[in-house]
Amino acid sequence: MRTVGIIVEYNPLHNGHVYHCQQARRLSKADAVVAVMSGHFLQRGEPALTNKWARTEMALSMGVDLVIELPVAYSAQPAEWFAYGAVSALHLSGIVDSLCFGSESGDIAWFSELADLLADEPEVLQKQLHARLKQGLNYPQAYTRAVQYVLRSEGIGAAGCGTDDAYDLAKPNNTLGLHYMIALRRLGSSIAPLTIKRVKAGYHDPLEADAQIASATAIREKLLVSGDLAAIQPYIPHYTAEILQREWDAGRAPVHWERLAVPLMQAILSRSKEELAALAEVSEGLENRILRALNELEGSCSVEQLIEGCKTKRYTRTKLQRTFTRILLGHRKELLTRDVLAQGVPYLRILGFSRIGRQLLKQMKQTASVPIITNVGQEVHPLMLLDIQATGIHALGYQHFTAHDLLRDYYEPPLMLQQETSASEEVPAADAAESGSL
């Protein structure tokens, strides 16, 4: 059985994701689709709009056959470690033949050439990166310019230097695509990479840019501003609409930063400066800036105000959201060192599967290089404990939460979807995948 892997967030699943899944099957000639999906906190440092089980149901309804959770240790990371964790899950499963990702480039040869050059992190890249960070650039800008310098020094064409949109590392899906390729190189994986070009709606495009296609960012913004599910229905499959409506009615959605403002403020105020500085993503005295910004808030204390008070050219919204995620979850630096992350995912947590996915699970028992987790016991890996804690904290954003919600990881078996999937439903060419950034 040929199997293609995809790396997703589905926040929420929309028509562009349907297109991505369809094209992944077509390009790879795969019989099955395996998705590595972020859990409750996402790559740009945001809480997921709905819980991971609702989004797993969306994925299976679309036609994904097996959903594996990307641990929170990786899911709220910059592109390098987000990509490495997700690709390692596909690689360690032992059942995936190819990986299909969306990109603004659509050119796998360019990604491959650049990944070969950067996989071993050449010294010149590190020197250029540090020099540009000292100039006050944020990490995405510094990394892009450092890579451009390396490309010029290696005599690689101007396209690789970001002069053409198709090869611009400032584009978020190009960035992730490059890091997927680098991860494959570092893991020595035999998984074959494929890319499809992201068309129509771009990451920052408004909702009205197309009649049926929009990015998940635009969909979320419209949804949170209007509070009306009907406003986004042209851009999402019917099953996404039905699942969102159910979660809305139950008070389990939408979860966003303002719903977690109280636990975040408590997490900040209950720690000393030294304790804040010991947390992941808190670096270069950022704890002082956070406490100063909190002290300067006026009126009601919102997370948005706190972000705006902390933002600088160096500290972007995404960097701050990731920092607040680690503060909220209490993730200390030593839990997420490079040495820890470089080992890859230490387990494969199964969130759901189809009839075909059940066959893949049986195969994985023979091929997987790490334990397969379908039911969570009392003794768990330290990184899985972070996932369990993230579930409980995410549930604090519900209108009304129960003890079951807080500890749901212990009770919830993988979702088995028996009905026919919707993978054959046609949608127009779309944005190939929801993306993150450096």
Protein backbone atom coordinates (compact mmCIF):
# COMPACT_ATOMS: atom_id res chain seq x y z
CA MET A 1 0.00 0.00 0.00
CA ARG A 2 1.50 3.34 -1.09
CA THR A 3 1.19 6.03 1.56
CA VAL A 4 1.67 9.80 1.39
CA GLY A 5 2.29 11.98 4.43
CA ILE A 6 1.03 15.51 4.98
CA ILE A 7 1.75 17.96 7.83
CA VAL A 8 -1.24 19.99 8.97
CA GLU A 9 -2.97 22.11 11.60
CA TYR A 10 -6.54 22.35 10.23
CA ASN A 11 -7.41 25.45 12.20
CA PRO A 12 -10.00 25.01 10.77
CA LEU A 13 -9.96 22.61 7.81
CA HIS A 14 -11.02 24.52 4.68
CA ASN A 15 -11.39 24.07 0.93
CA GLY A 16 -7.69 24.70 0.34
CA HIS A 17 -6.85 21.77 2.59
CA VAL A 18 -9.21 19.56 0.60
CA TYR A 19 -7.33 20.50 -2.55
CA HIS A 20 -4.01 19.75 -0.86
CA CYS A 21 -5.18 16.29 0.20
CA GLN A 22 -6.52 15.54 -3.29
CA GLN A 23 -3.31 16.66 -4.99
CA ALA A 24 -1.15 14.75 -2.51
CA ARG A 25 -2.97 11.55 -3.46
CA ARG A 26 -2.75 12.35 -7.17
CA LEU A 27 0.94 13.27 -7.28
CA SER A 28 2.07 10.39 -5.07
CA LYS A 29 -0.36 7.83 -6.53
CA ALA A 30 -0.97 6.87 -2.91
CA ASP A 31 -3.62 4.51 -1.58
CA ALA A 32 -3.62 6.15 1.87
CA VAL A 33 -2.94 9.53 3.51
CA VAL A 34 -1.21 9.93 6.88
CA ALA A 35 -1.47 13.35 8.54
CA VAL A 36 0.76 14.63 11.31
CA MET A 37 -1.43 17.24 13.01
CA SER A 38 -0.58 19.77 15.70
CA GLY A 39 -2.42 19.32 18.98
CA HIS A 40 -3.81 22.21 21.02
CA PHE A 41 -1.12 24.87 20.44
CA LEU A 42 0.05 25.75 16.96
CA GLN A 43 3.14 26.79 15.04
CA ARG A 44 2.51 30.54 15.24
CA GLY A 45 2.01 30.31 18.99
CA GLU A 46 -1.78 30.34 18.99
CA PRO A 47 -4.25 28.07 20.77
CA ALA A 48 -6.23 25.97 18.30
CA LEU A 49 -9.72 27.22 17.56
CA THR A 50 -11.17 23.80 18.39
CA ASN A 51 -9.73 20.82 20.22
CA LYS A 52 -7.61 18.19 18.50
CA TRP A 53 -10.38 15.58 18.46
CA ALA A 54 -12.76 17.86 16.55
CA ARG A 55 -10.02 18.64 14.02
CA THR A 56 -9.19 14.94 13.74
CA GLU A 57 -12.83 14.34 12.85
CA MET A 58 -12.57 17.00 10.14
CA ALA A 59 -9.46 15.31 8.74
CA LEU A 60 -11.02 11.85 8.63
CA SER A 61 -14.21 13.24 7.10
CA MET A 62 -12.10 14.75 4.32
CA GLY A 63 -10.34 11.48 3.52
CA VAL A 64 -7.22 11.29 5.70
CA ASP A 65 -6.68 7.69 6.81
CA LEU A 66 -4.48 8.11 9.88
CA VAL A 67 -3.96 11.14 12.15
CA ILE A 68 -0.83 11.31 14.33
CA GLU A 69 -0.48 14.10 16.89
CA LEU A 70 2.55 16.37 16.66
CA PRO A 71 3.64 16.86 20.30
CA VAL A 72 3.40 20.37 21.72
CA ALA A 73 7.17 20.25 22.26
CA TYR A 74 7.40 20.65 18.45
CA SER A 75 4.05 22.13 17.40
CA ALA A 76 4.67 25.63 18.79
CA GLN A 77 8.25 25.88 17.55
CA PRO A 78 9.91 27.95 14.83
CA ALA A 79 9.97 26.37 11.39
CA GLU A 80 13.16 24.33 11.90
CA TRP A 81 11.91 22.29 14.85
CA PHE A 82 8.24 22.23 13.84
CA ALA A 83 9.31 20.69 10.55
CA TYR A 84 11.83 18.33 12.13
CA GLY A 85 9.33 16.98 14.64
CA ALA A 86 6.60 16.44 12.05
CA VAL A 87 8.91 14.83 9.49
CA SER A 88 10.43 12.61 12.17
CA ALA A 89 6.93 11.31 13.00
CA LEU A 90 6.36 10.31 9.38
CA HIS A 91 9.85 8.83 9.11
CA LEU A 92 9.69 6.86 12.36
CA SER A 93 6.29 5.39 11.48
CA GLY A 94 7.99 3.28 8.81
CA ILE A 95 4.91 3.32 6.58
CA VAL A 96 5.20 6.59 4.63
CA ASP A 97 6.55 6.61 1.07
CA SER A 98 6.27 10.31 0.23
CA LEU A 99 5.67 13.72 1.79
CA CYS A 100 3.59 16.31 -0.05
CA PHE A 101 3.64 19.94 1.08
CA GLY A 102 2.34 23.19 -0.33
CA SER A 103 4.67 26.03 -1.26
CA GLU A 104 4.68 29.35 -3.02
CA SER A 105 7.53 28.01 -5.15
CA GLY A 106 6.11 24.73 -6.42
CA ASP A 107 9.66 23.76 -7.47
CA ILE A 108 11.00 20.69 -5.64
CA ALA A 109 14.39 20.90 -7.40
CA TRP A 110 15.13 24.29 -5.83
CA PHE A 111 14.14 23.02 -2.37
CA SER A 112 16.33 19.97 -2.83
CA GLU A 113 19.38 21.94 -3.92
CA LEU A 114 19.07 24.37 -1.04
CA ALA A 115 18.43 21.61 1.53
CA ASP A 116 21.61 19.83 0.41
CA LEU A 117 23.53 23.04 1.04
CA LEU A 118 22.02 23.90 4.41
CA ALA A 119 21.36 20.53 6.06
CA ASP A 120 24.72 20.54 7.87
CA GLU A 121 24.33 24.19 8.95
CA PRO A 122 27.50 25.57 7.32
CA GLU A 123 29.56 27.87 9.51
CA VAL A 124 29.08 30.79 7.13
CA LEU A 125 25.30 30.51 7.59
CA GLN A 126 25.60 30.66 11.38
CA LYS A 127 27.98 33.64 11.24
CA GLN A 128 25.71 35.55 8.87
CA LEU A 129 22.65 34.69 10.96
CA HIS A 130 24.20 35.96 14.20
CA ALA A 131 25.47 39.11 12.48
CA ARG A 132 22.01 40.00 11.21
CA LEU A 133 20.38 39.27 14.56
CA LYS A 134 22.85 41.73 16.12
CA GLN A 135 21.68 44.28 13.55
CA GLY A 136 18.24 44.06 15.14
CA LEU A 137 16.50 41.95 12.51
CA ASN A 138 13.93 39.43 13.73
CA TYR A 139 14.78 35.76 13.22
CA PRO A 140 12.78 35.20 9.97
CA GLN A 141 14.39 38.21 8.32
CA ALA A 142 17.86 37.35 9.63
CA TYR A 143 17.62 33.72 8.49
CA THR A 144 16.36 34.68 5.04
CA ARG A 145 19.17 37.17 4.48
CA ALA A 146 21.78 34.77 5.82
CA VAL A 147 20.59 32.09 3.39
CA GLN A 148 20.65 34.59 0.55
CA TYR A 149 24.26 35.42 1.41
CA VAL A 150 25.20 31.71 1.35
CA LEU A 151 23.48 31.24 -2.00
CA ARG A 152 25.38 34.15 -3.53
CA SER A 153 28.67 32.92 -2.08
CA GLU A 154 28.01 29.48 -3.57
CA GLY A 155 27.17 30.97 -6.95
CA ILE A 156 23.59 29.76 -6.95
CA GLY A 157 21.35 31.77 -9.27
CA ALA A 158 19.59 35.01 -8.43
CA ALA A 159 16.27 33.19 -8.09
CA GLY A 160 17.59 31.54 -4.96
CA CYS A 161 18.40 34.94 -3.53
CA GLY A 162 14.78 35.88 -3.15
CA THR A 163 14.47 38.15 -6.17
CA ASP A 164 11.64 36.02 -7.51
CA ASP A 165 8.49 35.34 -5.49
CA ALA A 166 8.65 31.67 -6.41
CA TYR A 167 11.92 31.29 -4.48
CA ASP A 168 11.45 33.82 -1.70
CA LEU A 169 12.22 32.44 1.77
CA ALA A 170 10.18 35.26 3.26
CA LYS A 171 7.14 33.35 2.00
CA PRO A 172 5.91 31.18 4.89
CA ASN A 173 5.20 27.97 2.96
CA ASN A 174 8.54 28.19 1.15
CA THR A 175 10.22 28.45 4.55
CA LEU A 176 8.42 25.41 5.92
CA GLY A 177 9.01 23.47 2.72
CA LEU A 178 12.74 24.10 2.93
CA HIS A 179 12.81 22.91 6.54
CA TYR A 180 10.82 19.77 5.66
CA MET A 181 13.50 19.00 3.09
CA ILE A 182 16.33 19.73 5.54
CA ALA A 183 14.67 17.44 8.09
CA LEU A 184 14.50 14.62 5.55
CA ARG A 185 18.23 15.06 4.89
CA ARG A 186 19.15 15.10 8.59
CA LEU A 187 17.06 12.02 9.32
CA GLY A 188 18.49 10.15 6.35
CA SER A 189 14.92 9.42 5.35
CA SER A 190 13.90 7.57 2.19
CA ILE A 191 10.59 9.48 2.08
CA ALA A 192 10.25 11.14 -1.33
CA PRO A 193 9.37 14.88 -1.18
CA LEU A 194 6.67 16.39 -3.40
CA THR A 195 5.35 19.94 -3.52
CA ILE A 196 2.30 21.60 -5.00
CA LYS A 197 2.17 25.30 -5.74
CA ARG A 198 0.02 27.43 -3.49
CA VAL A 199 -2.37 29.40 -5.70
CA LYS A 200 -5.27 31.79 -5.24
CA ALA A 201 -5.49 32.80 -1.56
CA GLY A 202 -2.19 33.77 0.03
CA TYR A 203 -1.43 33.57 3.72
CA HIS A 204 -2.25 37.23 4.39
CA ASP A 205 -4.96 37.69 1.74
CA PRO A 206 -8.39 38.93 2.90
CA LEU A 207 -11.37 36.58 2.88
CA GLU A 208 -12.92 38.21 -0.19
CA ALA A 209 -9.87 37.46 -2.38
CA ASP A 210 -11.64 34.42 -3.82
CA ALA A 211 -15.21 33.13 -3.79
CA GLN A 212 -14.37 29.69 -2.42
CA ILE A 213 -10.75 29.71 -1.30
CA ALA A 214 -9.31 31.54 1.70
CA SER A 215 -6.48 30.95 4.12
CA ALA A 216 -7.23 29.65 7.58
CA THR A 217 -5.91 32.97 8.93
CA ALA A 218 -8.53 34.97 7.04
CA ILE A 219 -11.26 32.47 7.98
CA ARG A 220 -10.39 32.69 11.68
CA GLU A 221 -10.30 36.48 11.62
CA LYS A 222 -13.71 36.66 9.96
CA LEU A 223 -15.14 34.12 12.35
CA LEU A 224 -13.82 35.78 15.49
CA VAL A 225 -14.87 39.26 14.40
CA SER A 226 -18.37 38.33 13.22
CA GLY A 227 -19.04 35.40 15.51
CA ASP A 228 -21.13 34.04 12.65
CA LEU A 229 -20.37 30.62 11.18
CA ALA A 230 -22.49 31.44 8.14
CA ALA A 231 -19.90 34.06 7.11
CA ILE A 232 -17.26 31.40 6.44
CA GLN A 233 -19.38 28.59 5.01
CA PRO A 234 -18.40 29.27 1.36
CA TYR A 235 -14.78 28.54 2.30
CA ILE A 236 -15.16 25.32 4.28
CA PRO A 237 -16.55 21.83 3.54
CA HIS A 238 -19.94 20.96 4.98
CA TYR A 239 -18.44 18.60 7.56
CA THR A 240 -16.17 21.34 8.92
CA ALA A 241 -19.22 23.59 9.27
CA GLU A 242 -21.17 20.88 11.08
CA ILE A 243 -18.33 20.07 13.47
CA LEU A 244 -17.67 23.74 14.21
CA GLN A 245 -21.37 24.32 14.90
CA ARG A 246 -21.44 21.38 17.31
CA GLU A 247 -18.35 22.63 19.15
CA TRP A 248 -19.77 26.18 19.27
CA ASP A 249 -23.07 24.95 20.68
CA ALA A 250 -21.24 22.92 23.34
CA GLY A 251 -19.14 25.94 24.39
CA ARG A 252 -15.89 24.21 23.37
CA ALA A 253 -15.11 26.79 20.68
CA PRO A 254 -13.84 29.22 19.66
CA VAL A 255 -10.74 29.05 21.84
CA HIS A 256 -8.36 31.99 21.34
CA TRP A 257 -5.85 33.97 23.37
CA GLU A 258 -8.38 36.23 25.06
CA ARG A 259 -10.18 33.20 26.48
CA LEU A 260 -6.89 32.19 28.07
CA ALA A 261 -5.99 35.67 29.31
CA VAL A 262 -6.60 34.89 33.01
CA PRO A 263 -4.44 31.73 33.17
CA LEU A 264 -1.73 33.51 31.14
CA MET A 265 -1.68 36.53 33.46
CA GLN A 266 -1.57 34.18 36.43
CA ALA A 267 1.32 32.24 34.88
CA ILE A 268 3.27 35.50 34.47
CA LEU A 269 2.45 37.03 37.86
CA SER A 270 3.07 33.86 39.87
CA ARG A 271 6.71 33.69 38.71
CA SER A 272 9.73 35.77 39.58
CA LYS A 273 11.90 37.30 36.86
CA GLU A 274 14.35 34.45 37.31
CA GLU A 275 11.60 31.86 36.98
CA LEU A 276 10.28 33.51 33.81
CA ALA A 277 13.79 33.63 32.36
CA ALA A 278 14.09 29.86 32.88
CA LEU A 279 11.16 29.18 30.54
CA ALA A 280 11.51 28.23 26.88
CA GLU A 281 11.42 31.12 24.36
CA VAL A 282 12.15 33.70 27.11
CA SER A 283 15.55 35.04 26.09
CA GLU A 284 17.68 38.18 25.99
CA GLY A 285 15.87 39.81 28.90
CA LEU A 286 12.42 39.37 27.36
CA GLU A 287 11.04 38.67 30.85
CA ASN A 288 11.75 42.30 31.77
CA ARG A 289 9.91 43.61 28.72
CA ILE A 290 6.90 41.39 29.46
CA LEU A 291 6.65 42.53 33.08
CA ARG A 292 7.08 46.19 32.08
CA ALA A 293 4.38 45.90 29.40
CA LEU A 294 2.04 44.22 31.88
CA ASN A 295 2.62 47.04 34.38
CA GLU A 296 1.75 49.62 31.71
CA LEU A 297 -1.58 48.07 30.67
CA GLU A 298 -4.56 50.34 31.08
CA GLY A 299 -8.16 49.31 31.59
CA SER A 300 -8.99 45.64 31.02
CA CYS A 301 -5.97 43.36 30.66
CA SER A 302 -6.05 41.65 27.28
CA VAL A 303 -3.47 39.43 25.64
CA GLU A 304 -3.67 41.64 22.55
CA GLN A 305 -2.67 44.68 24.62
CA LEU A 306 0.19 42.73 26.15
CA ILE A 307 1.45 41.63 22.73
CA GLU A 308 1.28 45.18 21.41
CA GLY A 309 3.14 46.44 24.48
CA CYS A 310 5.94 43.93 23.95
CA LYS A 311 6.30 44.08 20.15
CA THR A 312 9.47 45.43 18.60
CA LYS A 313 11.22 44.91 15.29
CA ARG A 314 13.04 42.00 16.96
CA TYR A 315 10.10 40.58 18.92
CA THR A 316 7.41 39.84 16.37
CA ARG A 317 3.84 38.85 17.18
CA THR A 318 4.64 35.25 16.35
CA LYS A 319 7.72 35.21 18.60
CA LEU A 320 5.69 36.71 21.46
CA GLN A 321 2.81 34.28 20.99
CA ARG A 322 5.21 31.35 21.14
CA THR A 323 6.77 32.85 24.26
CA PHE A 324 3.35 33.27 25.91
CA THR A 325 2.51 29.67 24.97
CA ARG A 326 5.59 28.40 26.80
CA ILE A 327 4.87 30.64 29.80
CA LEU A 328 1.24 29.51 29.91
CA LEU A 329 2.26 25.85 29.71
CA GLY A 330 5.24 26.23 32.07
CA HIS A 331 7.77 24.71 29.67
CA ARG A 332 11.27 25.10 31.07
CA LYS A 333 14.24 25.49 28.76
CA GLU A 334 15.83 22.18 29.71
CA LEU A 335 12.73 20.30 28.49
CA LEU A 336 13.14 21.64 24.96
CA THR A 337 16.86 21.81 24.27
CA ARG A 338 18.30 21.18 20.82
CA ASP A 339 19.61 17.83 22.04
CA VAL A 340 16.11 16.78 23.17
CA LEU A 341 14.39 17.97 20.00
CA ALA A 342 17.04 16.49 17.69
CA GLN A 343 16.06 13.00 18.86
CA GLY A 344 12.75 13.31 16.99
CA VAL A 345 9.35 12.41 18.38
CA PRO A 346 9.68 9.75 21.10
CA TYR A 347 6.25 8.21 20.43
CA LEU A 348 3.44 8.24 17.87
CA ARG A 349 0.15 9.27 19.46
CA ILE A 350 -2.76 8.13 17.28
CA LEU A 351 -5.74 10.50 17.27
CA GLY A 352 -7.89 8.78 14.66
CA PHE A 353 -8.05 6.43 11.71
CA SER A 354 -10.27 5.18 8.89
CA ARG A 355 -10.83 1.57 7.82
CA ILE A 356 -7.65 1.78 5.75
CA GLY A 357 -5.93 3.53 8.64
CA ARG A 358 -6.63 0.51 10.83
CA GLN A 359 -4.59 -1.57 8.36
CA LEU A 360 -1.80 1.00 8.53
CA LEU A 361 -1.78 0.75 12.31
CA LYS A 362 -1.29 -3.01 12.10
CA GLN A 363 1.59 -2.44 9.69
CA MET A 364 3.13 0.19 11.97
CA LYS A 365 3.40 -2.30 14.80
CA GLN A 366 6.01 -4.03 12.68
CA THR A 367 7.72 -0.96 11.19
CA ALA A 368 7.60 1.89 13.72
CA SER A 369 10.86 2.82 15.46
CA VAL A 370 9.14 4.36 18.52
CA PRO A 371 6.14 3.28 20.64
CA ILE A 372 2.64 3.67 19.16
CA ILE A 373 0.19 5.17 21.66
CA THR A 374 -3.54 4.57 21.23
CA ASN A 375 -4.52 4.72 24.91
CA VAL A 376 -2.76 6.92 27.44
CA GLY A 377 -1.77 5.20 30.66
CA GLN A 378 -0.64 6.64 33.97
CA GLU A 379 3.05 6.25 33.14
CA VAL A 380 3.86 8.45 30.18
CA HIS A 381 6.87 9.96 28.44
CA PRO A 382 7.82 13.44 29.77
CA LEU A 383 6.95 15.03 26.42
CA MET A 384 3.54 13.33 26.40
CA LEU A 385 2.91 14.74 29.86
CA LEU A 386 3.31 18.17 28.24
CA ASP A 387 0.60 17.20 25.71
CA ILE A 388 -1.74 16.08 28.51
CA GLN A 389 -1.18 19.31 30.39
CA ALA A 390 -1.71 21.33 27.19
CA THR A 391 -5.11 19.66 26.73
CA GLY A 392 -6.23 20.71 30.20
CA ILE A 393 -5.01 24.28 29.81
CA HIS A 394 -6.59 24.60 26.36
CA ALA A 395 -9.91 23.45 27.89
CA LEU A 396 -9.75 26.43 30.27
CA GLY A 397 -10.74 28.45 27.20
CA TYR A 398 -14.12 26.69 26.95
CA GLN A 399 -17.22 28.54 28.11
CA HIS A 400 -17.82 25.74 30.59
CA PHE A 401 -15.29 22.99 31.20
CA THR A 402 -15.54 19.75 33.10
CA ALA A 403 -12.98 17.53 34.80
CA HIS A 404 -13.36 15.21 31.80
CA ASP A 405 -12.38 18.08 29.48
CA LEU A 406 -9.28 18.83 31.54
CA LEU A 407 -8.11 15.19 31.55
CA ARG A 408 -9.57 14.07 28.23
CA ASP A 409 -6.31 12.56 26.99
CA TYR A 410 -6.70 9.78 29.56
CA TYR A 411 -10.24 8.92 28.45
CA GLU A 412 -10.38 9.47 24.70
CA PRO A 413 -9.54 6.52 22.40
CA PRO A 414 -8.62 7.18 18.77
CA LEU A 415 -11.56 8.23 16.64
CA MET A 416 -12.60 5.55 14.15
CA LEU A 417 -14.52 6.89 11.17
CA GLN A 418 -16.55 4.19 9.43
CA GLN A 419 -18.46 6.15 6.78
CA GLU A 420 -17.29 6.89 3.27
CA THR A 421 -14.89 9.82 3.21
CA SER A 422 -15.17 12.98 1.16
CA ALA A 423 -11.76 12.91 -0.49
CA SER A 424 -13.28 12.73 -3.97
CA GLU A 425 -15.21 15.98 -3.61
CA GLU A 426 -13.72 18.48 -6.03
CA VAL A 427 -12.75 22.01 -5.05
CA PRO A 428 -11.01 24.68 -7.12
CA ALA A 429 -7.23 25.10 -7.04
CA ALA A 430 -6.48 26.40 -3.60
CA ASP A 431 -3.91 27.44 -1.09
CA ALA A 432 -2.03 24.23 -0.71
CA ALA A 433 -1.56 24.20 3.03
CA GLU A 434 -1.96 26.35 6.09
CA SER A 435 1.47 27.55 6.97
CA GLY A 436 3.54 28.80 9.81
CA SER A 437 6.60 31.00 9.86
CA LEU A 438 10.10 31.00 11.18
